[in-house]
Amino acid sequence: MEMISLEKELKGNSYPGRGIVIGRSADGKKAAAAYFIMGRSENSRNRVFVEDGQGIRTQAFDPEKLADPSLIIYAPVRVLGNKTIVTNGDQTDTIYDGLDHQLTFEQSLRSREFEPDAPNYTPRISGVLHVEDGKFSYAMSILKSDNGNPAQCNRYTFAYNNCAAGEGRFIHTYVGDGSPLPSFEGEPKLVEIPDDMDAFADMLWDSLNGDNKVSLFVRYIDIADGSYRTRIINKNK
């Protein structure tokens, strides 16, 4: 697979929706995770990321303008021991509970499917990073309708072991803007992961469409000892 420029990919798509990037820094020392949200409606744009223990959650920037919390208020990031879970919905909790009961990442998601937001049927995208004893692996998942047909849920899981330094994968919800919104297609895209977390976060934020971007989370985890550093950027301040 050819490595693409994540910057060009984001700048060339006015509405990738929500996106997850997972990979390994160029020096091989850090496991990297990023998650961003975008919005077209006032309700979707009325959000911020806030820290919640070792993870984060979304909350309304202006509570009085919150119309429907069902698909926009959730915990995108939770940590269970040496595993960091990143998703675009409340399936974060489903994965957390499943892993906590000895299910695999894939098994944990079998009870879930795409979002019930007809006619878009937004895919549920998820990732889990496993950092233990100086080793790093990760997996990603997408649950989507069958070409817009909600009668069938198509489930795809991608697992990455012995992750190469400087490489990561990018998965997002929509191919681009539209009505209905067209779902992501294919396997996660191969992208570059730099050593500098702040530069990576700035590039991601600056590359997202200025009207539609809402919030960004980036975390780098030290593979040797599990310590981490987090950065959150919110458009609403």
C-alpha atoms as a PDB file:
ATOM      1  CA  MET A   1       0.000   0.000   0.000  1.00  0.00           C
ATOM      2  CA  GLU A   2       1.282   3.427  -0.918  1.00  0.00           C
ATOM      3  CA  MET A   3       1.693   5.919   1.922  1.00  0.00           C
ATOM      4  CA  ILE A   4      -0.455   8.997   1.430  1.00  0.00           C
ATOM      5  CA  SER A   5       0.005  12.524   2.764  1.00  0.00           C
ATOM      6  CA  LEU A   6      -2.426  12.883   5.652  1.00  0.00           C
ATOM      7  CA  GLU A   7      -2.249  16.644   5.303  1.00  0.00           C
ATOM      8  CA  LYS A   8      -3.279  16.529   1.627  1.00  0.00           C
ATOM      9  CA  GLU A   9      -5.919  13.904   2.351  1.00  0.00           C
ATOM     10  CA  LEU A  10      -7.613  16.099   4.955  1.00  0.00           C
ATOM     11  CA  LYS A  11      -7.259  19.345   3.029  1.00  0.00           C
ATOM     12  CA  GLY A  12      -8.813  17.674   0.003  1.00  0.00           C
ATOM     13  CA  ASN A  13     -11.922  16.509   1.871  1.00  0.00           C
ATOM     14  CA  SER A  14     -14.225  19.156   3.320  1.00  0.00           C
ATOM     15  CA  TYR A  15     -16.082  16.594   5.408  1.00  0.00           C
ATOM     16  CA  PRO A  16     -14.311  13.352   6.390  1.00  0.00           C
ATOM     17  CA  GLY A  17     -16.603  13.382   9.444  1.00  0.00           C
ATOM     18  CA  ARG A  18     -14.932  11.712  12.395  1.00  0.00           C
ATOM     19  CA  GLY A  19     -11.493  10.174  12.050  1.00  0.00           C
ATOM     20  CA  ILE A  20      -9.045   7.947  13.914  1.00  0.00           C
ATOM     21  CA  VAL A  21      -5.296   7.747  13.332  1.00  0.00           C
ATOM     22  CA  ILE A  22      -3.166   5.114  15.086  1.00  0.00           C
ATOM     23  CA  GLY A  23       0.485   4.296  14.540  1.00  0.00           C
ATOM     24  CA  ARG A  24       4.083   4.404  15.742  1.00  0.00           C
ATOM     25  CA  SER A  25       6.334   7.458  15.885  1.00  0.00           C
ATOM     26  CA  ALA A  26       9.287   7.673  13.511  1.00  0.00           C
ATOM     27  CA  ASP A  27      11.805   6.958  16.265  1.00  0.00           C
ATOM     28  CA  GLY A  28       9.843   3.837  17.216  1.00  0.00           C
ATOM     29  CA  LYS A  29       9.473   4.922  20.848  1.00  0.00           C
ATOM     30  CA  LYS A  30       5.864   6.122  20.966  1.00  0.00           C
ATOM     31  CA  ALA A  31       2.451   4.691  20.151  1.00  0.00           C
ATOM     32  CA  ALA A  32       0.325   7.466  18.662  1.00  0.00           C
ATOM     33  CA  ALA A  33      -3.431   7.953  18.586  1.00  0.00           C
ATOM     34  CA  ALA A  34      -5.508  10.823  17.237  1.00  0.00           C
ATOM     35  CA  TYR A  35      -9.249  11.365  17.019  1.00  0.00           C
ATOM     36  CA  PHE A  36     -11.131  14.300  15.526  1.00  0.00           C
ATOM     37  CA  ILE A  37     -14.780  15.244  15.215  1.00  0.00           C
ATOM     38  CA  MET A  38     -16.487  17.529  12.729  1.00  0.00           C
ATOM     39  CA  GLY A  39     -20.035  18.815  12.435  1.00  0.00           C
ATOM     40  CA  ARG A  40     -22.434  20.429   9.964  1.00  0.00           C
ATOM     41  CA  SER A  41     -25.378  21.097  12.285  1.00  0.00           C
ATOM     42  CA  GLU A  42     -25.460  23.503  15.214  1.00  0.00           C
ATOM     43  CA  ASN A  43     -26.004  20.547  17.554  1.00  0.00           C
ATOM     44  CA  SER A  44     -22.906  18.713  16.267  1.00  0.00           C
ATOM     45  CA  ARG A  45     -20.752  21.823  16.385  1.00  0.00           C
ATOM     46  CA  ASN A  46     -21.808  22.660  19.941  1.00  0.00           C
ATOM     47  CA  ARG A  47     -19.213  20.344  21.517  1.00  0.00           C
ATOM     48  CA  VAL A  48     -15.818  20.227  23.177  1.00  0.00           C
ATOM     49  CA  PHE A  49     -13.478  17.464  24.326  1.00  0.00           C
ATOM     50  CA  VAL A  50     -12.703  17.372  28.042  1.00  0.00           C
ATOM     51  CA  GLU A  51     -10.426  15.058  29.974  1.00  0.00           C
ATOM     52  CA  ASP A  52     -12.140  12.329  31.987  1.00  0.00           C
ATOM     53  CA  GLY A  53      -9.711  10.287  34.055  1.00  0.00           C
ATOM     54  CA  GLN A  54      -7.235   8.710  31.641  1.00  0.00           C
ATOM     55  CA  GLY A  55      -9.666   9.215  28.772  1.00  0.00           C
ATOM     56  CA  ILE A  56     -11.811  11.996  27.352  1.00  0.00           C
ATOM     57  CA  ARG A  57     -15.488  12.682  26.782  1.00  0.00           C
ATOM     58  CA  THR A  58     -17.530  15.084  24.719  1.00  0.00           C
ATOM     59  CA  GLN A  59     -19.734  17.660  26.354  1.00  0.00           C
ATOM     60  CA  ALA A  60     -21.928  20.485  25.142  1.00  0.00           C
ATOM     61  CA  PHE A  61     -20.113  23.802  24.875  1.00  0.00           C
ATOM     62  CA  ASP A  62     -23.396  25.635  25.471  1.00  0.00           C
ATOM     63  CA  PRO A  63     -25.763  23.308  27.382  1.00  0.00           C
ATOM     64  CA  GLU A  64     -28.774  25.467  26.494  1.00  0.00           C
ATOM     65  CA  LYS A  65     -28.239  24.742  22.786  1.00  0.00           C
ATOM     66  CA  LEU A  66     -27.969  20.970  23.198  1.00  0.00           C
ATOM     67  CA  ALA A  67     -30.850  19.488  21.197  1.00  0.00           C
ATOM     68  CA  ASP A  68     -30.207  15.732  21.017  1.00  0.00           C
ATOM     69  CA  PRO A  69     -27.334  14.166  22.978  1.00  0.00           C
ATOM     70  CA  SER A  70     -27.881  10.596  21.750  1.00  0.00           C
ATOM     71  CA  LEU A  71     -25.138  10.405  19.103  1.00  0.00           C
ATOM     72  CA  ILE A  72     -22.897  13.310  20.050  1.00  0.00           C
ATOM     73  CA  ILE A  73     -22.271  12.946  23.800  1.00  0.00           C
ATOM     74  CA  TYR A  74     -20.033   9.974  24.605  1.00  0.00           C
ATOM     75  CA  ALA A  75     -16.544   8.960  25.757  1.00  0.00           C
ATOM     76  CA  PRO A  76     -14.317   8.696  22.653  1.00  0.00           C
ATOM     77  CA  VAL A  77     -11.298   7.506  24.665  1.00  0.00           C
ATOM     78  CA  ARG A  78     -11.073   5.116  27.628  1.00  0.00           C
ATOM     79  CA  VAL A  79      -8.131   3.215  29.097  1.00  0.00           C
ATOM     80  CA  LEU A  80      -8.285  -0.335  30.444  1.00  0.00           C
ATOM     81  CA  GLY A  81      -4.918  -1.339  31.876  1.00  0.00           C
ATOM     82  CA  ASN A  82      -2.458  -1.449  28.980  1.00  0.00           C
ATOM     83  CA  LYS A  83      -5.160  -0.907  26.355  1.00  0.00           C
ATOM     84  CA  THR A  84      -6.328   2.463  25.037  1.00  0.00           C
ATOM     85  CA  ILE A  85      -9.696   2.452  23.258  1.00  0.00           C
ATOM     86  CA  VAL A  86     -10.605   5.159  20.716  1.00  0.00           C
ATOM     87  CA  THR A  87     -13.963   5.299  18.925  1.00  0.00           C
ATOM     88  CA  ASN A  88     -16.487   7.649  17.367  1.00  0.00           C
ATOM     89  CA  GLY A  89     -19.390   6.735  19.654  1.00  0.00           C
ATOM     90  CA  ASP A  90     -20.660   5.018  22.754  1.00  0.00           C
ATOM     91  CA  GLN A  91     -19.224   1.721  21.497  1.00  0.00           C
ATOM     92  CA  THR A  92     -16.154   2.797  23.492  1.00  0.00           C
ATOM     93  CA  ASP A  93     -18.038   1.545  26.536  1.00  0.00           C
ATOM     94  CA  THR A  94     -19.062  -1.660  24.732  1.00  0.00           C
ATOM     95  CA  ILE A  95     -15.424  -2.439  23.882  1.00  0.00           C
ATOM     96  CA  TYR A  96     -14.245  -1.531  27.381  1.00  0.00           C
ATOM     97  CA  ASP A  97     -16.790  -3.857  28.997  1.00  0.00           C
ATOM     98  CA  GLY A  98     -16.059  -6.639  26.510  1.00  0.00           C
ATOM     99  CA  LEU A  99     -12.302  -6.510  27.025  1.00  0.00           C
ATOM    100  CA  ASP A 100     -12.861  -6.380  30.761  1.00  0.00           C
ATOM    101  CA  HIS A 101     -14.798  -9.663  30.438  1.00  0.00           C
ATOM    102  CA  GLN A 102     -12.085 -11.359  28.350  1.00  0.00           C
ATOM    103  CA  LEU A 103     -13.727 -10.855  24.963  1.00  0.00           C
ATOM    104  CA  THR A 104     -11.603  -9.817  22.004  1.00  0.00           C
ATOM    105  CA  PHE A 105     -11.902  -6.415  20.347  1.00  0.00           C
ATOM    106  CA  GLU A 106     -13.818  -7.969  17.455  1.00  0.00           C
ATOM    107  CA  GLN A 107     -16.104 -10.025  19.714  1.00  0.00           C
ATOM    108  CA  SER A 108     -16.918  -6.970  21.803  1.00  0.00           C
ATOM    109  CA  LEU A 109     -18.296  -5.169  18.757  1.00  0.00           C
ATOM    110  CA  ARG A 110     -20.565  -7.962  17.539  1.00  0.00           C
ATOM    111  CA  SER A 111     -23.452  -6.518  19.539  1.00  0.00           C
ATOM    112  CA  ARG A 112     -23.136  -3.150  17.754  1.00  0.00           C
ATOM    113  CA  GLU A 113     -23.686  -1.841  14.236  1.00  0.00           C
ATOM    114  CA  PHE A 114     -23.701   1.467  12.345  1.00  0.00           C
ATOM    115  CA  GLU A 115     -25.441   4.502  13.822  1.00  0.00           C
ATOM    116  CA  PRO A 116     -29.247   4.760  13.428  1.00  0.00           C
ATOM    117  CA  ASP A 117     -29.068   8.157  11.712  1.00  0.00           C
ATOM    118  CA  ALA A 118     -30.938   7.472   8.472  1.00  0.00           C
ATOM    119  CA  PRO A 119     -30.282   8.129   5.644  1.00  0.00           C
ATOM    120  CA  ASN A 120     -26.551   8.397   6.443  1.00  0.00           C
ATOM    121  CA  TYR A 121     -26.174   5.295   8.626  1.00  0.00           C
ATOM    122  CA  THR A 122     -22.866   6.658   9.846  1.00  0.00           C
ATOM    123  CA  PRO A 123     -20.226   3.929  10.280  1.00  0.00           C
ATOM    124  CA  ARG A 124     -18.954   3.149  13.752  1.00  0.00           C
ATOM    125  CA  ILE A 125     -15.170   3.332  13.646  1.00  0.00           C
ATOM    126  CA  SER A 126     -13.061   2.042  16.522  1.00  0.00           C
ATOM    127  CA  GLY A 127      -9.471   1.363  17.477  1.00  0.00           C
ATOM    128  CA  VAL A 128      -7.564  -0.193  20.352  1.00  0.00           C
ATOM    129  CA  LEU A 129      -3.866   0.231  21.181  1.00  0.00           C
ATOM    130  CA  HIS A 130      -2.063  -2.426  23.224  1.00  0.00           C
ATOM    131  CA  VAL A 131       1.212  -1.343  24.837  1.00  0.00           C
ATOM    132  CA  GLU A 132       2.899  -3.932  27.055  1.00  0.00           C
ATOM    133  CA  ASP A 133       6.460  -5.003  27.916  1.00  0.00           C
ATOM    134  CA  GLY A 134       7.978  -2.704  25.325  1.00  0.00           C
ATOM    135  CA  LYS A 135       5.727  -3.996  22.531  1.00  0.00           C
ATOM    136  CA  PHE A 136       2.960  -2.233  20.633  1.00  0.00           C
ATOM    137  CA  SER A 137       0.129  -3.568  18.492  1.00  0.00           C
ATOM    138  CA  TYR A 138      -3.227  -2.160  17.488  1.00  0.00           C
ATOM    139  CA  ALA A 139      -6.460  -2.974  15.720  1.00  0.00           C
ATOM    140  CA  MET A 140      -9.116  -0.931  13.937  1.00  0.00           C
ATOM    141  CA  SER A 141     -12.728  -1.669  13.057  1.00  0.00           C
ATOM    142  CA  ILE A 142     -15.511  -0.259  10.936  1.00  0.00           C
ATOM    143  CA  LEU A 143     -19.173  -1.286  11.132  1.00  0.00           C
ATOM    144  CA  LYS A 144     -21.130   0.043   8.160  1.00  0.00           C
ATOM    145  CA  SER A 145     -24.351  -0.439   6.244  1.00  0.00           C
ATOM    146  CA  ASP A 146     -24.300  -2.460   3.055  1.00  0.00           C
ATOM    147  CA  ASN A 147     -23.914   0.364   0.531  1.00  0.00           C
ATOM    148  CA  GLY A 148     -26.553   2.388   2.348  1.00  0.00           C
ATOM    149  CA  ASN A 149     -28.874  -0.566   2.934  1.00  0.00           C
ATOM    150  CA  PRO A 150     -29.550  -0.791   6.687  1.00  0.00           C
ATOM    151  CA  ALA A 151     -30.828  -4.359   6.432  1.00  0.00           C
ATOM    152  CA  GLN A 152     -27.236  -5.606   6.606  1.00  0.00           C
ATOM    153  CA  CYS A 153     -24.279  -4.542   8.749  1.00  0.00           C
ATOM    154  CA  ASN A 154     -20.860  -5.184   7.211  1.00  0.00           C
ATOM    155  CA  ARG A 155     -18.094  -5.686   9.787  1.00  0.00           C
ATOM    156  CA  TYR A 156     -14.391  -5.218   9.103  1.00  0.00           C
ATOM    157  CA  THR A 157     -11.494  -5.582  11.530  1.00  0.00           C
ATOM    158  CA  PHE A 158      -7.848  -4.776  10.754  1.00  0.00           C
ATOM    159  CA  ALA A 159      -5.046  -5.878  13.083  1.00  0.00           C
ATOM    160  CA  TYR A 160      -1.483  -4.542  13.028  1.00  0.00           C
ATOM    161  CA  ASN A 161       1.398  -6.226  14.858  1.00  0.00           C
ATOM    162  CA  ASN A 162       5.120  -5.363  14.913  1.00  0.00           C
ATOM    163  CA  CYS A 163       4.184  -1.854  13.811  1.00  0.00           C
ATOM    164  CA  ALA A 164       6.829  -0.186  11.650  1.00  0.00           C
ATOM    165  CA  ALA A 165       8.301   3.054  12.965  1.00  0.00           C
ATOM    166  CA  GLY A 166       6.871   6.153  11.328  1.00  0.00           C
ATOM    167  CA  GLU A 167       3.791   4.381   9.989  1.00  0.00           C
ATOM    168  CA  GLY A 168       0.146   4.516  10.974  1.00  0.00           C
ATOM    169  CA  ARG A 169      -3.351   3.992   9.636  1.00  0.00           C
ATOM    170  CA  PHE A 170      -6.182   6.452   9.137  1.00  0.00           C
ATOM    171  CA  ILE A 171      -9.864   5.566   9.064  1.00  0.00           C
ATOM    172  CA  HIS A 172     -12.794   7.986   8.972  1.00  0.00           C
ATOM    173  CA  THR A 173     -16.557   7.953   8.562  1.00  0.00           C
ATOM    174  CA  TYR A 174     -17.261   9.643   5.219  1.00  0.00           C
ATOM    175  CA  VAL A 175     -15.680   9.665   1.770  1.00  0.00           C
ATOM    176  CA  GLY A 176     -16.730  13.317   1.566  1.00  0.00           C
ATOM    177  CA  ASP A 177     -19.679  15.659   1.882  1.00  0.00           C
ATOM    178  CA  GLY A 178     -23.015  14.753   0.351  1.00  0.00           C
ATOM    179  CA  SER A 179     -26.643  13.877   1.003  1.00  0.00           C
ATOM    180  CA  PRO A 180     -26.742  11.199   2.173  1.00  0.00           C
ATOM    181  CA  LEU A 181     -23.162  11.193   3.387  1.00  0.00           C
ATOM    182  CA  PRO A 182     -21.160   8.457   1.611  1.00  0.00           C
ATOM    183  CA  SER A 183     -19.503   5.968   3.984  1.00  0.00           C
ATOM    184  CA  PHE A 184     -15.757   5.302   4.119  1.00  0.00           C
ATOM    185  CA  GLU A 185     -14.597   2.589   1.726  1.00  0.00           C
ATOM    186  CA  GLY A 186     -11.676   0.154   1.764  1.00  0.00           C
ATOM    187  CA  GLU A 187      -9.044  -0.529   4.398  1.00  0.00           C
ATOM    188  CA  PRO A 188      -7.470   2.128   6.654  1.00  0.00           C
ATOM    189  CA  LYS A 189      -5.073   4.383   4.775  1.00  0.00           C
ATOM    190  CA  LEU A 190      -1.312   4.213   5.332  1.00  0.00           C
ATOM    191  CA  VAL A 191       0.016   7.519   6.704  1.00  0.00           C
ATOM    192  CA  GLU A 192       3.157   8.928   8.277  1.00  0.00           C
ATOM    193  CA  ILE A 193       3.513   9.345  12.055  1.00  0.00           C
ATOM    194  CA  PRO A 194       6.187  11.876  13.102  1.00  0.00           C
ATOM    195  CA  ASP A 195       8.113  12.061  16.388  1.00  0.00           C
ATOM    196  CA  ASP A 196       6.837  15.540  17.297  1.00  0.00           C
ATOM    197  CA  MET A 197       3.360  15.193  18.827  1.00  0.00           C
ATOM    198  CA  ASP A 198       2.654  18.922  18.836  1.00  0.00           C
ATOM    199  CA  ALA A 199       3.629  19.308  15.196  1.00  0.00           C
ATOM    200  CA  PHE A 200       1.415  16.317  14.346  1.00  0.00           C
ATOM    201  CA  ALA A 201      -1.531  17.809  16.250  1.00  0.00           C
ATOM    202  CA  ASP A 202      -1.052  21.213  14.616  1.00  0.00           C
ATOM    203  CA  MET A 203      -0.910  19.636  11.154  1.00  0.00           C
ATOM    204  CA  LEU A 204      -4.113  17.687  11.755  1.00  0.00           C
ATOM    205  CA  TRP A 205      -6.002  20.673  13.139  1.00  0.00           C
ATOM    206  CA  ASP A 206      -4.812  23.065  10.443  1.00  0.00           C
ATOM    207  CA  SER A 207      -5.703  20.561   7.704  1.00  0.00           C
ATOM    208  CA  LEU A 208      -9.326  20.072   8.789  1.00  0.00           C
ATOM    209  CA  ASN A 209     -11.970  22.246   7.132  1.00  0.00           C
ATOM    210  CA  GLY A 210     -12.263  25.480   9.101  1.00  0.00           C
ATOM    211  CA  ASP A 211     -16.064  25.581   9.052  1.00  0.00           C
ATOM    212  CA  ASN A 212     -16.677  21.965   9.960  1.00  0.00           C
ATOM    213  CA  LYS A 213     -13.937  21.022  12.441  1.00  0.00           C
ATOM    214  CA  VAL A 214     -14.959  20.824  16.105  1.00  0.00           C
ATOM    215  CA  SER A 215     -12.376  19.083  18.316  1.00  0.00           C
ATOM    216  CA  LEU A 216      -9.128  17.091  18.158  1.00  0.00           C
ATOM    217  CA  PHE A 217      -7.461  14.663  20.582  1.00  0.00           C
ATOM    218  CA  VAL A 218      -3.857  13.452  20.203  1.00  0.00           C
ATOM    219  CA  ARG A 219      -1.949  11.155  22.547  1.00  0.00           C
ATOM    220  CA  TYR A 220       1.584   9.726  22.391  1.00  0.00           C
ATOM    221  CA  ILE A 221       2.259   6.721  24.659  1.00  0.00           C
ATOM    222  CA  ASP A 222       5.803   5.722  25.625  1.00  0.00           C
ATOM    223  CA  ILE A 223       6.135   2.094  24.549  1.00  0.00           C
ATOM    224  CA  ALA A 224       8.853   1.415  27.127  1.00  0.00           C
ATOM    225  CA  ASP A 225       6.957   2.448  30.257  1.00  0.00           C
ATOM    226  CA  GLY A 226       3.355   3.275  29.250  1.00  0.00           C
ATOM    227  CA  SER A 227       3.524   6.940  30.259  1.00  0.00           C
ATOM    228  CA  TYR A 228       1.735   9.317  27.916  1.00  0.00           C
ATOM    229  CA  ARG A 229       1.174  12.910  26.901  1.00  0.00           C
ATOM    230  CA  THR A 230      -2.119  14.255  25.609  1.00  0.00           C
ATOM    231  CA  ARG A 231      -3.179  17.309  23.669  1.00  0.00           C
ATOM    232  CA  ILE A 232      -6.735  18.503  23.121  1.00  0.00           C
ATOM    233  CA  ILE A 233      -7.752  21.284  20.711  1.00  0.00           C
ATOM    234  CA  ASN A 234     -11.318  22.657  20.732  1.00  0.00           C
ATOM    235  CA  LYS A 235     -12.714  25.177  18.274  1.00  0.00           C
ATOM    236  CA  ASN A 236     -15.197  26.353  20.915  1.00  0.00           C
ATOM    237  CA  LYS A 237     -13.435  28.258  23.682  1.00  0.00           C
END
